[in-house]
N, C-alpha and C. Protein backbone atom coordinates (compact mmCIF):
# COMPACT_ATOMS: atom_id res chain seq x y z
N MET A 1 -31.68 24.71 157.21
CA MET A 1 -31.34 24.19 155.91
C MET A 1 -29.88 23.68 155.92
N ASN A 2 -29.71 22.45 155.45
CA ASN A 2 -28.32 21.88 155.38
C ASN A 2 -27.59 22.43 154.20
N ARG A 3 -26.36 22.91 154.39
CA ARG A 3 -25.57 23.42 153.33
C ARG A 3 -24.54 22.37 152.93
N LEU A 4 -24.22 22.31 151.64
CA LEU A 4 -23.15 21.41 151.22
C LEU A 4 -21.81 21.92 151.72
N PRO A 5 -20.88 21.04 152.05
CA PRO A 5 -19.56 21.50 152.48
C PRO A 5 -18.85 22.23 151.33
N GLN A 6 -18.02 23.15 151.75
CA GLN A 6 -17.17 23.88 150.77
C GLN A 6 -15.74 23.43 150.92
N ILE A 7 -15.04 23.36 149.81
CA ILE A 7 -13.62 23.04 149.82
C ILE A 7 -12.88 24.22 149.13
N TRP A 8 -11.93 24.75 149.81
CA TRP A 8 -11.09 25.86 149.30
C TRP A 8 -9.71 25.27 149.01
N LEU A 9 -9.22 25.52 147.80
CA LEU A 9 -7.89 25.16 147.39
C LEU A 9 -7.03 26.36 147.20
N VAL A 10 -5.88 26.38 147.84
CA VAL A 10 -4.93 27.48 147.73
C VAL A 10 -3.59 26.86 147.43
N ARG A 11 -2.97 27.34 146.35
CA ARG A 11 -1.68 26.87 145.99
C ARG A 11 -0.63 27.65 146.76
N HIS A 12 0.51 27.05 147.03
CA HIS A 12 1.57 27.76 147.74
C HIS A 12 1.98 29.00 146.96
N GLY A 13 2.53 29.99 147.62
CA GLY A 13 2.94 31.23 146.95
C GLY A 13 4.16 31.05 146.10
N GLU A 14 4.55 32.11 145.42
CA GLU A 14 5.64 32.10 144.47
C GLU A 14 7.00 31.75 145.08
N THR A 15 7.76 30.95 144.32
CA THR A 15 9.16 30.67 144.68
C THR A 15 10.03 31.12 143.53
N ALA A 16 11.31 31.21 143.79
CA ALA A 16 12.25 31.55 142.74
C ALA A 16 12.13 30.58 141.51
N TRP A 17 11.92 29.34 141.86
CA TRP A 17 11.83 28.29 140.78
C TRP A 17 10.53 28.44 140.02
N SER A 18 9.46 28.81 140.64
CA SER A 18 8.20 28.96 139.89
C SER A 18 8.28 30.17 138.95
N VAL A 19 9.02 31.18 139.38
CA VAL A 19 9.26 32.32 138.48
C VAL A 19 10.07 31.94 137.23
N SER A 20 11.06 31.10 137.42
CA SER A 20 11.92 30.68 136.31
C SER A 20 11.33 29.42 135.60
N ARG A 21 10.13 29.01 136.00
CA ARG A 21 9.40 27.88 135.40
C ARG A 21 10.12 26.52 135.57
N GLN A 22 10.86 26.43 136.66
CA GLN A 22 11.49 25.18 137.04
C GLN A 22 10.52 24.34 137.93
N HIS A 23 10.57 23.04 137.80
CA HIS A 23 9.71 22.20 138.58
C HIS A 23 10.33 22.02 139.95
N THR A 24 9.61 22.42 140.98
CA THR A 24 10.17 22.30 142.33
C THR A 24 10.05 20.89 142.87
N GLY A 25 9.00 20.14 142.50
CA GLY A 25 8.84 18.81 142.96
C GLY A 25 8.94 18.73 144.48
N ARG A 26 9.83 17.90 145.00
CA ARG A 26 10.02 17.75 146.42
C ARG A 26 11.06 18.66 147.00
N THR A 27 11.69 19.47 146.16
CA THR A 27 12.68 20.46 146.62
C THR A 27 11.97 21.47 147.49
N ASP A 28 12.43 21.63 148.69
CA ASP A 28 11.77 22.52 149.62
C ASP A 28 12.39 23.93 149.67
N ILE A 29 12.07 24.71 148.63
CA ILE A 29 12.63 26.07 148.59
C ILE A 29 11.57 27.03 149.15
N SER A 30 12.09 28.14 149.67
CA SER A 30 11.25 29.11 150.30
C SER A 30 10.45 29.97 149.34
N LEU A 31 9.47 30.66 149.89
CA LEU A 31 8.73 31.63 149.12
C LEU A 31 9.57 32.89 148.88
N THR A 32 9.30 33.53 147.73
CA THR A 32 9.89 34.84 147.48
C THR A 32 9.14 35.89 148.29
N GLU A 33 9.61 37.09 148.25
CA GLU A 33 8.87 38.19 148.93
C GLU A 33 7.50 38.33 148.35
N ALA A 34 7.40 38.15 147.01
CA ALA A 34 6.07 38.25 146.34
C ALA A 34 5.18 37.11 146.82
N GLY A 35 5.75 35.91 146.99
CA GLY A 35 5.01 34.75 147.50
C GLY A 35 4.52 34.99 148.94
N GLU A 36 5.37 35.56 149.79
CA GLU A 36 4.94 35.90 151.10
C GLU A 36 3.78 36.92 151.10
N ALA A 37 3.96 37.94 150.24
CA ALA A 37 2.88 38.97 150.16
C ALA A 37 1.55 38.37 149.65
N ALA A 38 1.62 37.48 148.68
CA ALA A 38 0.42 36.85 148.17
C ALA A 38 -0.28 35.99 149.25
N ALA A 39 0.52 35.33 150.04
CA ALA A 39 -0.05 34.53 151.11
C ALA A 39 -0.73 35.41 152.15
N LYS A 40 -0.21 36.54 152.42
CA LYS A 40 -0.84 37.51 153.34
C LYS A 40 -2.17 38.01 152.77
N ARG A 41 -2.17 38.25 151.42
CA ARG A 41 -3.38 38.77 150.79
C ARG A 41 -4.52 37.74 150.86
N ILE A 42 -4.20 36.49 150.59
CA ILE A 42 -5.23 35.48 150.68
C ILE A 42 -5.76 35.32 152.12
N ALA A 43 -4.84 35.46 153.09
CA ALA A 43 -5.24 35.37 154.47
C ALA A 43 -6.23 36.48 154.87
N GLU A 44 -6.10 37.65 154.25
CA GLU A 44 -6.99 38.74 154.53
C GLU A 44 -8.39 38.45 153.98
N ARG A 45 -8.51 37.58 153.01
CA ARG A 45 -9.79 37.26 152.43
C ARG A 45 -10.52 36.16 153.17
N LEU A 46 -9.87 35.44 154.04
CA LEU A 46 -10.42 34.28 154.68
C LEU A 46 -10.76 34.41 156.18
N PRO A 47 -10.54 35.55 156.84
CA PRO A 47 -10.69 35.53 158.30
C PRO A 47 -12.12 35.27 158.76
N SER A 48 -13.12 35.53 157.96
CA SER A 48 -14.51 35.30 158.40
C SER A 48 -14.98 33.87 158.19
N LEU A 49 -14.13 33.01 157.57
CA LEU A 49 -14.51 31.65 157.36
C LEU A 49 -14.08 30.76 158.52
N ASP A 50 -14.90 29.78 158.76
CA ASP A 50 -14.63 28.84 159.87
C ASP A 50 -14.26 27.47 159.24
N PHE A 51 -12.99 27.14 159.29
CA PHE A 51 -12.51 25.92 158.67
C PHE A 51 -12.56 24.79 159.68
N THR A 52 -13.03 23.61 159.23
CA THR A 52 -13.03 22.41 160.02
C THR A 52 -11.68 21.76 160.04
N ALA A 53 -10.95 21.85 158.88
CA ALA A 53 -9.67 21.23 158.75
C ALA A 53 -8.86 21.97 157.70
N VAL A 54 -7.56 21.95 157.84
CA VAL A 54 -6.65 22.51 156.85
C VAL A 54 -5.56 21.45 156.59
N TRP A 55 -5.38 21.09 155.35
CA TRP A 55 -4.40 20.07 154.97
C TRP A 55 -3.33 20.73 154.10
N SER A 56 -2.10 20.32 154.30
CA SER A 56 -1.02 20.90 153.57
C SER A 56 0.07 19.80 153.36
N SER A 57 0.87 20.03 152.30
CA SER A 57 2.02 19.20 152.12
C SER A 57 3.02 19.55 153.24
N PRO A 58 4.02 18.73 153.50
CA PRO A 58 4.99 19.05 154.54
C PRO A 58 6.02 20.12 154.14
N SER A 59 5.95 20.63 152.94
CA SER A 59 6.97 21.59 152.47
C SER A 59 6.81 22.92 153.23
N ILE A 60 7.94 23.57 153.45
CA ILE A 60 7.94 24.84 154.18
C ILE A 60 7.07 25.84 153.43
N ARG A 61 7.23 25.91 152.11
CA ARG A 61 6.46 26.92 151.32
C ARG A 61 4.95 26.73 151.47
N ALA A 62 4.49 25.50 151.51
CA ALA A 62 3.05 25.26 151.70
C ALA A 62 2.59 25.56 153.10
N ARG A 63 3.37 25.25 154.07
CA ARG A 63 3.04 25.60 155.46
C ARG A 63 3.07 27.07 155.69
N ARG A 64 4.05 27.79 155.09
CA ARG A 64 4.10 29.27 155.23
C ARG A 64 2.87 29.89 154.62
N THR A 65 2.44 29.40 153.44
CA THR A 65 1.26 29.92 152.83
C THR A 65 0.02 29.65 153.68
N GLY A 66 -0.04 28.45 154.27
CA GLY A 66 -1.24 28.10 155.07
C GLY A 66 -1.31 28.74 156.39
N ASN A 67 -0.23 29.29 156.88
CA ASN A 67 -0.24 29.92 158.19
C ASN A 67 -0.65 31.36 157.99
């Protein structure tokens, strides 16, 4: 049986600016400790999935979340 492809969307983890409700835009600020912890928690939920591709913005916070 052919299954439809699945798409998973994960937003980057928390930054100091997202906590203060500032727009980060293209500013490349790092994740907070809470953001790093959230990224690890999502990673624990995904190990059994087989991804064909992973796309990310070039920002450090997005790449840190995706790794």
